[in-house]
Amino acid sequence: MRGIIDVCGHLPHWRLERSEIAAVLGSGGGAGTRTVASYDEDPVTLGVAAARALLIGRSDVAPVESLTFATTAPVYAEKSGSPLVHAALQLPSSVSTLDAGPGLRGASAALRAALHSTDRLVAVIAGDVRTGPAGSVDENGGGDAGAAVLIGDDSAGELVAEHLGGASATHEFLDRWRAPGELRMHAWEERFGQQRYDELAADAWDRALGSCGLTDGEVTRVAVSSPHARAGAALAKRLGAAGVEVTDRLDRSVGFTGAAHPGLLLADLLERSGAGDVVALVALADGAEVFLFRRTAAGSAGQPVAEQLAIGAPLPYGKYLAWRGVLPTQPPNRPEPARMSASAAERRSDWKYGFVGSRDRSSGAVHLPPARVSYRGGTVDDMEPAPMAAHRATVATFTVDSLAYSPSPPVVFAVCDFEDGGRLPMELTDVAAADVRIGMQVEMTFRRIGTADGIANYFWKARPVPGAPVAGEAD
């Protein structure tokens, strides 16, 4: 039996109240919030965050054999993004990688391919950062997120959902488009796209049910991923009338997250379902993809989407515009970072992308960054790799630097003591300087340090562990 071994949606820390848009521009906005990727996040880091929740520290699943990455906002036009994800996850070189994109349908197509793959375990990872001109529909209705799905045979791990079947429908029509590098999204009149999607969704749905011998009423709940509210509305109405629960599309709380949205809704769908429920994902983008699953009793390793919705911090609209480059602001009066050295990065790949230090075999001392000579005992070249990305740390001391170059000053640097040994000064992220405390627990997160000469430079930062107590303070 093939199906989903695990699935996780990842929401960034920041939230933008849509009412702030109208307060600044005098129009636009609306009700609810949208998720916002930080200035140091992009589709790669969002996808990595979702995948780490499923893969790090797990011994109950087989090794990943292939990886597919999907986004509508690729970091590079010529270079693939999937090897960056592969490096951050510290997967073996034998794992094949593929970029599915840049269209919206890439993620659902990758999911379909994984369900029909002969590879024992496939990771389908997506990440997207959705933006647009100030006051635009895409700025208001968009959202940022990551998602990861592990697809495989039941021999590779316990399934959280068995794949029952599905169907696909494709038809060429011009609904939404954006030229490479363009900020603005163009759209045809929505009712035109609605008619096409209604036809395609109904066709794929009927054939999917027929392939599984099911009727509408035998499906417990369905999630519909579509680029706008009109798309899929007719199918949702039909299923609602048949007693099928149509789950929240997360429009008001998250926004449409592009390539990540099918995976995000799939995670939320399975988290809301119980053992034996027949559930469906309908993904509409340049056609329709329908997936039918039966939920099992197995649990998931990732943090539920509903829990992530309950946390997060508000972000001022002005800062959002500055982070996205929509509002030009005065840069720091400091030299901008130099471009990354490709050869140096390749030589230190495990450290840079995987956050792998070294451990002295004789004394157990952890060295960050990795070293040849141990600071404890002075032994030479007697080290073993020490992966540290999954380890938490405690802030021993910190400083707030208003002079260092940053797109979002001030910069908070903290000396972090790791729970398994090792100490390293690290930049903190996803936290206001006023909220940093000595003794607070932090976890590692893969982030984009900056971009120079078109080269995206990545490394690891530390972020507060949500809900973790601060050492030395009363509960």
Protein backbone atom coordinates (compact mmCIF):
# COMPACT_ATOMS: atom_id res chain seq x y z
CA MET A 1 0.00 0.00 0.00
CA ARG A 2 1.29 3.45 -0.95
CA GLY A 3 0.30 6.72 0.60
CA ILE A 4 1.36 9.56 2.89
CA ILE A 5 3.86 8.70 5.60
CA ASP A 6 3.74 12.22 7.02
CA VAL A 7 2.87 15.78 6.04
CA CYS A 8 3.61 19.15 7.59
CA GLY A 9 2.68 22.74 6.85
CA HIS A 10 4.96 25.52 8.08
CA LEU A 11 3.82 29.09 8.78
CA PRO A 12 6.35 31.87 9.33
CA HIS A 13 6.40 33.86 12.57
CA TRP A 14 5.03 37.18 11.33
CA ARG A 15 1.42 38.23 10.63
CA LEU A 16 0.09 41.27 8.78
CA GLU A 17 -3.33 42.59 9.76
CA ARG A 18 -5.06 43.38 6.48
CA SER A 19 -6.78 46.37 8.07
CA GLU A 20 -3.36 48.06 8.22
CA ILE A 21 -3.24 48.18 4.42
CA ALA A 22 -6.32 50.41 4.21
CA ALA A 23 -5.11 52.50 7.15
CA VAL A 24 -1.97 53.41 5.18
CA LEU A 25 -3.23 53.46 1.58
CA GLY A 26 -6.80 54.57 2.17
CA SER A 27 -8.21 51.56 0.34
CA GLY A 28 -7.73 47.82 -0.02
CA GLY A 29 -7.07 45.57 2.94
CA GLY A 30 -9.96 43.69 4.48
CA ALA A 31 -10.58 41.35 7.38
CA GLY A 32 -8.20 38.85 8.89
CA THR A 33 -4.46 38.40 8.59
CA ARG A 34 -1.90 37.04 6.18
CA THR A 35 1.35 35.26 7.00
CA VAL A 36 4.57 37.09 6.17
CA ALA A 37 8.01 35.60 5.63
CA SER A 38 10.76 37.49 7.42
CA TYR A 39 13.37 39.48 5.52
CA ASP A 40 15.73 36.51 5.91
CA GLU A 41 13.27 33.90 4.62
CA ASP A 42 12.49 32.78 1.09
CA PRO A 43 10.84 29.75 -0.56
CA VAL A 44 13.90 27.58 0.11
CA THR A 45 14.07 28.31 3.85
CA LEU A 46 10.30 27.90 4.25
CA GLY A 47 10.41 24.52 2.50
CA VAL A 48 13.40 23.44 4.59
CA ALA A 49 11.58 24.38 7.82
CA ALA A 50 8.61 22.19 6.88
CA ALA A 51 10.79 19.27 5.82
CA ARG A 52 12.96 19.40 8.96
CA ALA A 53 9.85 18.92 11.09
CA LEU A 54 9.31 15.58 9.33
CA LEU A 55 12.85 14.30 8.87
CA ILE A 56 15.12 15.50 11.67
CA GLY A 57 15.74 12.95 14.38
CA ARG A 58 13.37 10.31 12.99
CA SER A 59 14.45 6.69 12.81
CA ASP A 60 11.00 5.25 12.10
CA VAL A 61 11.04 5.97 8.36
CA ALA A 62 13.24 4.69 5.54
CA PRO A 63 15.83 6.99 3.92
CA VAL A 64 14.55 9.46 1.35
CA GLU A 65 15.33 8.29 -2.19
CA SER A 66 14.20 11.35 -4.17
CA LEU A 67 13.23 14.97 -3.46
CA THR A 68 11.11 17.40 -5.44
CA PHE A 69 10.93 21.12 -4.67
CA ALA A 70 8.18 23.42 -5.93
CA THR A 71 7.79 27.20 -5.83
CA THR A 72 6.48 30.05 -7.96
CA ALA A 73 9.23 32.39 -6.72
CA PRO A 74 12.53 30.57 -7.39
CA VAL A 75 15.71 32.00 -5.92
CA TYR A 76 17.53 31.44 -9.23
CA ALA A 77 16.32 31.33 -12.82
CA GLU A 78 19.16 29.13 -14.10
CA LYS A 79 20.24 27.22 -11.00
CA SER A 80 17.98 24.67 -9.30
CA GLY A 81 16.68 25.26 -5.80
CA SER A 82 16.26 21.61 -4.82
CA PRO A 83 20.02 21.04 -4.19
CA LEU A 84 19.90 23.85 -1.59
CA VAL A 85 17.06 22.05 0.18
CA HIS A 86 18.98 18.79 -0.14
CA ALA A 87 22.09 20.35 1.44
CA ALA A 88 20.21 21.93 4.35
CA LEU A 89 18.56 18.58 5.14
CA GLN A 90 21.93 16.79 4.96
CA LEU A 91 20.61 14.08 2.67
CA PRO A 92 23.01 11.60 1.02
CA SER A 93 24.38 12.44 -2.42
CA SER A 94 22.53 9.41 -3.82
CA VAL A 95 19.18 11.21 -3.34
CA SER A 96 17.95 12.57 -6.66
CA THR A 97 16.52 16.09 -6.74
CA LEU A 98 14.11 17.85 -9.05
CA ASP A 99 12.58 21.33 -9.30
CA ALA A 100 8.86 21.34 -10.16
CA GLY A 101 7.88 24.76 -11.36
CA PRO A 102 7.67 27.61 -11.70
CA GLY A 103 3.90 27.35 -12.24
CA LEU A 104 1.27 26.94 -9.54
CA ARG A 105 0.57 23.38 -10.66
CA GLY A 106 4.09 22.16 -9.91
CA ALA A 107 3.39 21.08 -6.32
CA SER A 108 0.25 19.05 -7.07
CA ALA A 109 1.92 17.50 -10.13
CA ALA A 110 4.89 16.52 -7.94
CA LEU A 111 2.51 14.98 -5.39
CA ARG A 112 0.82 12.94 -8.13
CA ALA A 113 4.18 11.79 -9.49
CA ALA A 114 5.36 10.76 -6.02
CA LEU A 115 2.23 8.67 -5.44
CA HIS A 116 2.98 6.77 -8.67
CA SER A 117 6.75 6.60 -8.17
CA THR A 118 8.68 3.38 -7.66
CA ASP A 119 11.00 5.08 -5.15
CA ARG A 120 10.42 3.74 -1.66
CA LEU A 121 10.26 7.20 -0.03
CA VAL A 122 9.81 10.53 -1.85
CA ALA A 123 9.90 13.99 -0.25
CA VAL A 124 7.70 16.60 -1.95
CA ILE A 125 8.64 20.01 -0.57
CA ALA A 126 7.20 23.40 -1.44
CA GLY A 127 7.74 26.96 -0.31
CA ASP A 128 6.38 30.26 -1.55
CA VAL A 129 6.53 33.97 -0.82
CA ARG A 130 3.55 35.77 -2.34
CA THR A 131 3.63 39.50 -2.89
CA GLY A 132 2.50 42.22 -5.26
CA PRO A 133 2.37 46.02 -5.61
CA ALA A 134 1.11 47.93 -2.58
CA GLY A 135 -2.66 47.60 -2.30
CA SER A 136 -2.91 44.85 -4.90
CA VAL A 137 -5.19 41.83 -4.68
CA ASP A 138 -2.20 39.52 -4.47
CA GLU A 139 -0.62 41.46 -1.63
CA ASN A 140 -3.88 41.39 0.29
CA GLY A 141 -4.93 37.83 -0.55
CA GLY A 142 -1.52 36.21 -0.61
CA GLY A 143 0.36 34.48 2.17
CA ASP A 144 3.75 32.86 2.77
CA ALA A 145 4.27 29.25 3.86
CA GLY A 146 6.16 26.03 3.40
CA ALA A 147 4.92 22.45 3.15
CA ALA A 148 6.46 18.99 3.03
CA VAL A 149 4.91 15.60 2.26
CA LEU A 150 6.60 12.22 2.64
CA ILE A 151 5.18 9.73 0.14
CA GLY A 152 6.05 6.07 0.18
CA ASP A 153 5.12 2.44 0.63
CA ASP A 154 3.99 1.16 4.02
CA SER A 155 7.30 -0.71 4.15
CA ALA A 156 9.07 2.68 4.39
CA GLY A 157 7.09 3.77 7.45
CA GLU A 158 3.64 3.81 8.99
CA LEU A 159 1.14 5.58 6.76
CA VAL A 160 -0.96 8.45 8.09
CA ALA A 161 -3.15 8.19 4.99
CA GLU A 162 -3.60 5.44 2.40
CA HIS A 163 -3.84 6.58 -1.21
CA LEU A 164 -7.12 5.37 -2.69
CA GLY A 165 -6.86 6.98 -6.12
CA GLY A 166 -7.41 10.20 -7.99
CA ALA A 167 -7.73 11.86 -11.35
CA SER A 168 -6.32 14.75 -13.34
CA ALA A 169 -7.85 17.19 -15.81
CA THR A 170 -5.90 19.62 -18.00
CA HIS A 171 -7.03 22.40 -20.30
CA GLU A 172 -5.17 25.46 -21.60
CA PHE A 173 -6.78 28.78 -20.71
CA LEU A 174 -5.40 32.17 -19.68
CA ASP A 175 -6.44 32.89 -16.09
CA ARG A 176 -3.48 34.35 -14.17
CA TRP A 177 0.03 35.14 -15.36
CA ARG A 178 3.20 36.98 -14.45
CA ALA A 179 6.33 37.51 -16.53
CA PRO A 180 9.64 36.29 -15.01
CA GLY A 181 10.92 38.87 -12.55
CA GLU A 182 7.70 40.89 -12.60
CA LEU A 183 6.14 41.96 -9.29
CA ARG A 184 2.61 42.42 -10.52
CA MET A 185 0.29 39.49 -11.10
CA HIS A 186 -2.11 39.84 -14.07
CA ALA A 187 -5.51 38.17 -14.14
CA TRP A 188 -8.34 37.76 -16.62
CA GLU A 189 -11.90 38.38 -15.49
CA GLU A 190 -12.45 35.89 -12.66
CA ARG A 191 -15.77 34.57 -13.93
CA PHE A 192 -14.02 33.28 -17.05
CA GLY A 193 -11.55 31.32 -14.96
CA GLN A 194 -14.33 30.17 -12.66
CA GLN A 195 -16.21 28.56 -15.55
CA ARG A 196 -13.13 26.67 -16.71
CA TYR A 197 -12.25 25.51 -13.19
CA ASP A 198 -15.83 24.44 -12.47
CA GLU A 199 -15.80 22.19 -15.53
CA LEU A 200 -12.35 20.74 -14.86
CA ALA A 201 -12.95 20.21 -11.14
CA ALA A 202 -16.24 18.38 -11.73
CA ASP A 203 -14.68 16.20 -14.43
CA ALA A 204 -11.66 15.21 -12.33
CA TRP A 205 -13.79 14.69 -9.22
CA ASP A 206 -16.25 12.35 -10.91
CA ARG A 207 -13.49 10.29 -12.51
CA ALA A 208 -11.58 10.11 -9.22
CA LEU A 209 -14.62 8.81 -7.36
CA GLY A 210 -15.33 6.35 -10.16
CA SER A 211 -11.81 4.93 -10.00
CA CYS A 212 -12.28 4.23 -6.30
CA GLY A 213 -15.91 3.10 -6.42
CA LEU A 214 -17.04 5.93 -4.13
CA THR A 215 -19.90 8.42 -4.09
CA ASP A 216 -19.96 12.02 -2.87
CA GLY A 217 -21.56 11.07 0.44
CA GLU A 218 -18.85 8.54 1.28
CA VAL A 219 -16.20 11.28 1.44
CA THR A 220 -15.88 12.74 4.94
CA ARG A 221 -14.16 16.02 4.15
CA VAL A 222 -12.41 17.78 1.29
CA ALA A 223 -9.90 20.62 0.98
CA VAL A 224 -9.94 22.80 -2.14
CA SER A 225 -6.78 24.70 -3.09
CA SER A 226 -7.35 27.38 -5.73
CA PRO A 227 -5.82 30.75 -6.67
CA HIS A 228 -9.03 32.69 -5.94
CA ALA A 229 -12.31 32.14 -4.10
CA ARG A 230 -14.44 31.68 -7.21
CA ALA A 231 -12.40 28.72 -8.44
CA GLY A 232 -13.85 25.50 -7.05
CA ALA A 233 -16.89 27.19 -5.48
CA ALA A 234 -19.36 25.10 -7.51
CA LEU A 235 -17.75 21.81 -6.47
CA ALA A 236 -17.61 22.93 -2.84
CA LYS A 237 -21.33 23.79 -2.95
CA ARG A 238 -22.19 20.41 -4.48
CA LEU A 239 -20.18 18.52 -1.86
CA GLY A 240 -21.61 20.57 0.98
CA ALA A 241 -25.11 19.66 -0.15
CA ALA A 242 -24.07 15.97 -0.06
CA GLY A 243 -22.96 16.29 3.57
CA VAL A 244 -19.24 16.50 2.84
CA GLU A 245 -17.33 18.88 5.10
CA VAL A 246 -15.41 21.44 3.02
CA THR A 247 -12.49 22.59 5.18
CA ASP A 248 -11.34 26.16 5.68
CA ARG A 249 -9.19 27.36 2.76
CA LEU A 250 -7.25 29.53 5.27
CA ASP A 251 -7.94 32.64 3.18
CA ARG A 252 -8.70 34.86 6.20
CA SER A 253 -5.93 33.61 8.49
CA VAL A 254 -3.06 32.78 6.11
CA GLY A 255 -3.87 33.79 2.54
CA PHE A 256 -3.22 31.87 -0.66
CA THR A 257 0.32 30.53 -0.40
CA GLY A 258 0.94 29.55 -4.02
CA ALA A 259 2.86 26.33 -4.54
CA ALA A 260 2.78 25.59 -0.81
CA HIS A 261 -1.00 25.77 -0.54
CA PRO A 262 -1.94 22.20 -1.58
CA GLY A 263 0.52 20.75 0.95
CA LEU A 264 -0.57 23.20 3.66
CA LEU A 265 -4.24 22.35 3.18
CA LEU A 266 -3.42 18.62 3.02
CA ALA A 267 -1.65 18.84 6.38
CA ASP A 268 -4.59 20.69 7.94
CA LEU A 269 -7.05 18.25 6.35
CA LEU A 270 -5.39 15.16 7.81
CA GLU A 271 -4.89 16.84 11.21
CA ARG A 272 -8.66 17.41 11.40
CA SER A 273 -9.54 13.85 10.36
CA GLY A 274 -9.88 10.63 12.33
CA ALA A 275 -9.00 7.04 11.56
CA GLY A 276 -11.15 5.63 8.75
CA ASP A 277 -12.19 8.99 7.31
CA VAL A 278 -12.09 9.24 3.52
CA VAL A 279 -10.64 12.66 2.66
CA ALA A 280 -9.87 14.44 -0.58
CA LEU A 281 -7.57 17.19 -1.79
CA VAL A 282 -8.63 19.14 -4.88
CA ALA A 283 -5.85 21.32 -6.31
CA LEU A 284 -6.85 23.78 -9.03
CA ALA A 285 -4.17 25.45 -11.12
CA ASP A 286 -4.03 25.25 -14.93
CA GLY A 287 -6.36 22.31 -14.55
CA ALA A 288 -7.44 20.09 -11.68
CA GLU A 289 -5.85 17.36 -9.59
CA VAL A 290 -7.95 15.24 -7.23
CA PHE A 291 -6.43 12.98 -4.57
CA LEU A 292 -8.42 10.58 -2.38
CA PHE A 293 -7.02 9.16 0.86
CA ARG A 294 -8.19 7.11 3.83
CA ARG A 295 -6.90 8.40 7.17
CA THR A 296 -5.22 5.89 9.47
CA ALA A 297 -4.66 6.04 13.21
CA ALA A 298 -1.00 7.06 12.86
CA GLY A 299 0.12 10.42 14.24
CA SER A 300 2.23 13.14 12.64
CA ALA A 301 5.60 14.52 13.73
CA GLY A 302 4.92 18.10 12.64
CA GLN A 303 3.27 20.90 14.61
CA PRO A 304 -0.41 21.13 13.61
CA VAL A 305 -1.37 24.04 11.38
CA ALA A 306 -4.07 25.08 13.87
CA GLU A 307 -1.43 25.46 16.61
CA GLN A 308 0.78 27.54 14.35
CA LEU A 309 -2.17 29.80 13.55
CA ALA A 310 -2.57 30.52 17.25
CA ILE A 311 0.94 31.93 17.60
CA GLY A 312 2.93 34.53 15.70
CA ALA A 313 3.61 38.24 16.03
CA PRO A 314 2.10 41.28 14.30
CA LEU A 315 4.17 43.12 11.68
CA PRO A 316 3.67 46.79 10.77
CA TYR A 317 2.64 47.34 7.16
CA GLY A 318 5.56 49.71 6.57
CA LYS A 319 8.06 47.07 7.60
CA TYR A 320 6.34 44.53 5.38
CA LEU A 321 6.69 46.88 2.39
CA ALA A 322 10.37 47.48 3.19
CA TRP A 323 11.12 43.78 3.57
CA ARG A 324 9.56 43.02 0.19
CA GLY A 325 11.35 45.87 -1.57
CA VAL A 326 8.02 47.47 -2.52
CA LEU A 327 8.86 50.59 -0.47
CA PRO A 328 12.44 51.83 -1.03
CA THR A 329 14.07 52.76 2.27
CA GLN A 330 17.40 54.25 3.27
CA PRO A 331 19.87 51.36 3.59
CA PRO A 332 22.23 51.14 6.57
CA ASN A 333 25.22 53.46 6.35
CA ARG A 334 27.59 50.54 6.24
CA PRO A 335 29.24 48.60 3.40
CA GLU A 336 26.95 45.94 2.02
CA PRO A 337 28.05 42.32 2.46
CA ALA A 338 30.42 40.95 -0.17
CA ARG A 339 29.26 38.15 -2.40
CA MET A 340 29.62 34.59 -1.18
CA SER A 341 32.63 32.57 -2.35
CA ALA A 342 31.40 29.52 -4.24
CA SER A 343 34.62 27.56 -3.64
CA ALA A 344 34.73 28.36 0.09
CA ALA A 345 31.07 27.40 0.48
CA GLU A 346 31.65 24.07 -1.26
CA ARG A 347 34.64 23.26 0.96
CA ARG A 348 32.57 23.90 4.11
CA SER A 349 29.27 22.63 2.76
CA ASP A 350 28.38 20.44 5.76
CA TRP A 351 28.94 23.34 8.16
CA LYS A 352 27.35 26.05 6.05
CA TYR A 353 24.24 24.21 4.90
CA GLY A 354 23.90 21.39 7.42
CA PHE A 355 25.24 23.06 10.59
CA VAL A 356 27.54 20.11 11.24
CA GLY A 357 30.34 20.78 13.74
CA SER A 358 32.96 18.35 15.03
CA ARG A 359 33.28 16.33 18.21
CA ASP A 360 36.56 15.26 19.75
CA ARG A 361 36.43 11.47 20.04
CA SER A 362 38.65 11.35 23.12
CA SER A 363 37.07 14.11 25.23
CA GLY A 364 33.63 14.59 23.65
CA ALA A 365 34.22 18.33 23.22
CA VAL A 366 32.01 19.90 20.53
CA HIS A 367 33.58 22.46 18.19
CA LEU A 368 31.52 25.10 16.38
CA PRO A 369 32.62 25.63 13.66
CA PRO A 370 34.37 22.29 13.12
CA ALA A 371 38.04 22.22 14.03
CA ARG A 372 41.06 19.96 13.59
CA VAL A 373 42.59 20.64 17.02
CA SER A 374 40.53 20.06 20.17
CA TYR A 375 40.34 22.87 22.70
CA ARG A 376 40.17 20.18 25.39
CA GLY A 377 43.34 18.16 25.50
CA GLY A 378 44.80 19.40 22.22
CA THR A 379 44.28 16.20 20.23
CA VAL A 380 44.75 16.65 16.47
CA ASP A 381 42.59 15.22 13.68
CA ASP A 382 40.63 12.93 15.96
CA MET A 383 37.19 14.34 15.26
CA GLU A 384 33.81 12.95 14.22
CA PRO A 385 30.92 14.91 12.65
CA ALA A 386 28.54 16.57 15.13
CA PRO A 387 25.23 17.54 13.48
CA MET A 388 23.80 20.38 15.57
CA ALA A 389 20.80 21.66 13.59
CA ALA A 390 18.34 19.67 15.72
CA HIS A 391 19.84 20.73 19.05
CA ARG A 392 18.46 23.52 21.17
CA ALA A 393 20.61 26.08 22.92
CA THR A 394 20.40 28.61 25.74
CA VAL A 395 21.26 32.31 25.44
CA ALA A 396 24.25 32.92 27.72
CA THR A 397 24.60 36.61 26.84
CA PHE A 398 23.62 38.90 23.98
CA THR A 399 24.16 42.31 22.44
CA VAL A 400 21.92 44.57 20.37
CA ASP A 401 23.85 46.09 17.45
CA SER A 402 22.30 49.07 15.66
CA LEU A 403 25.35 49.65 13.44
CA ALA A 404 25.77 46.28 11.73
CA TYR A 405 24.39 46.05 8.20
CA SER A 406 20.91 44.53 8.15
CA PRO A 407 17.73 45.00 6.11
CA SER A 408 15.90 45.08 9.45
CA PRO A 409 18.05 46.68 12.18
CA PRO A 410 18.93 46.34 14.97
CA VAL A 411 20.74 43.00 14.85
CA VAL A 412 20.71 40.84 17.98
CA PHE A 413 23.77 38.63 18.46
CA ALA A 414 23.69 36.03 21.22
CA VAL A 415 26.26 33.64 22.64
CA CYS A 416 24.43 30.31 22.59
CA ASP A 417 25.31 27.29 24.74
CA PHE A 418 24.09 24.08 23.12
CA GLU A 419 22.42 21.35 25.14
CA ASP A 420 24.81 18.67 23.85
CA GLY A 421 27.92 20.80 24.22
CA GLY A 422 29.38 23.58 22.12
CA ARG A 423 29.11 27.37 22.19
CA LEU A 424 28.66 29.76 19.27
CA PRO A 425 27.76 33.43 18.76
CA MET A 426 24.66 33.49 16.56
CA GLU A 427 22.27 36.03 15.10
CA LEU A 428 18.75 35.82 16.52
CA THR A 429 15.70 36.08 14.30
CA ASP A 430 11.89 36.09 14.69
CA VAL A 431 12.17 38.12 17.89
CA ALA A 432 12.15 41.78 18.90
CA ALA A 433 15.28 43.03 20.64
CA ALA A 434 13.24 44.03 23.71
CA ASP A 435 12.02 40.45 24.15
CA VAL A 436 15.45 38.77 24.26
CA ARG A 437 16.41 37.38 27.67
CA ILE A 438 19.47 35.62 29.07
CA GLY A 439 18.47 32.01 29.67
CA MET A 440 15.89 31.84 26.88
CA GLN A 441 15.84 28.66 24.84
CA VAL A 442 16.48 28.90 21.11
CA GLU A 443 16.33 26.48 18.18
CA MET A 444 18.20 26.50 14.91
CA THR A 445 16.60 27.76 11.71
CA PHE A 446 18.00 27.85 8.16
CA ARG A 447 17.89 31.41 6.82
CA ARG A 448 19.02 33.61 3.97
CA ILE A 449 21.86 35.82 5.19
CA GLY A 450 21.80 38.16 2.20
CA THR A 451 22.19 38.46 -1.55
CA ALA A 452 25.11 39.98 -3.45
CA ASP A 453 25.87 39.81 -7.18
CA GLY A 454 22.75 37.69 -7.61
CA ILE A 455 24.08 35.02 -5.21
CA ALA A 456 21.86 34.03 -2.29
CA ASN A 457 23.92 33.35 0.83
CA TYR A 458 22.49 30.96 3.42
CA PHE A 459 23.46 29.97 6.97
CA TRP A 460 21.82 29.20 10.28
CA LYS A 461 20.33 31.54 12.84
CA ALA A 462 18.68 30.97 16.22
CA ARG A 463 15.05 31.69 17.04
CA PRO A 464 13.18 31.49 20.36
CA VAL A 465 11.47 28.19 21.10
CA PRO A 466 7.74 29.02 21.28
CA GLY A 467 6.43 28.61 24.82
CA ALA A 468 9.77 27.50 26.29
CA PRO A 469 10.53 28.81 29.81
CA VAL A 470 13.45 31.15 30.45
CA ALA A 471 16.12 29.64 32.70
CA GLY A 472 16.39 31.44 36.02
CA GLU A 473 12.93 33.03 35.87
CA ALA A 474 9.88 31.92 37.81
CA ASP A 475 7.28 29.94 35.90
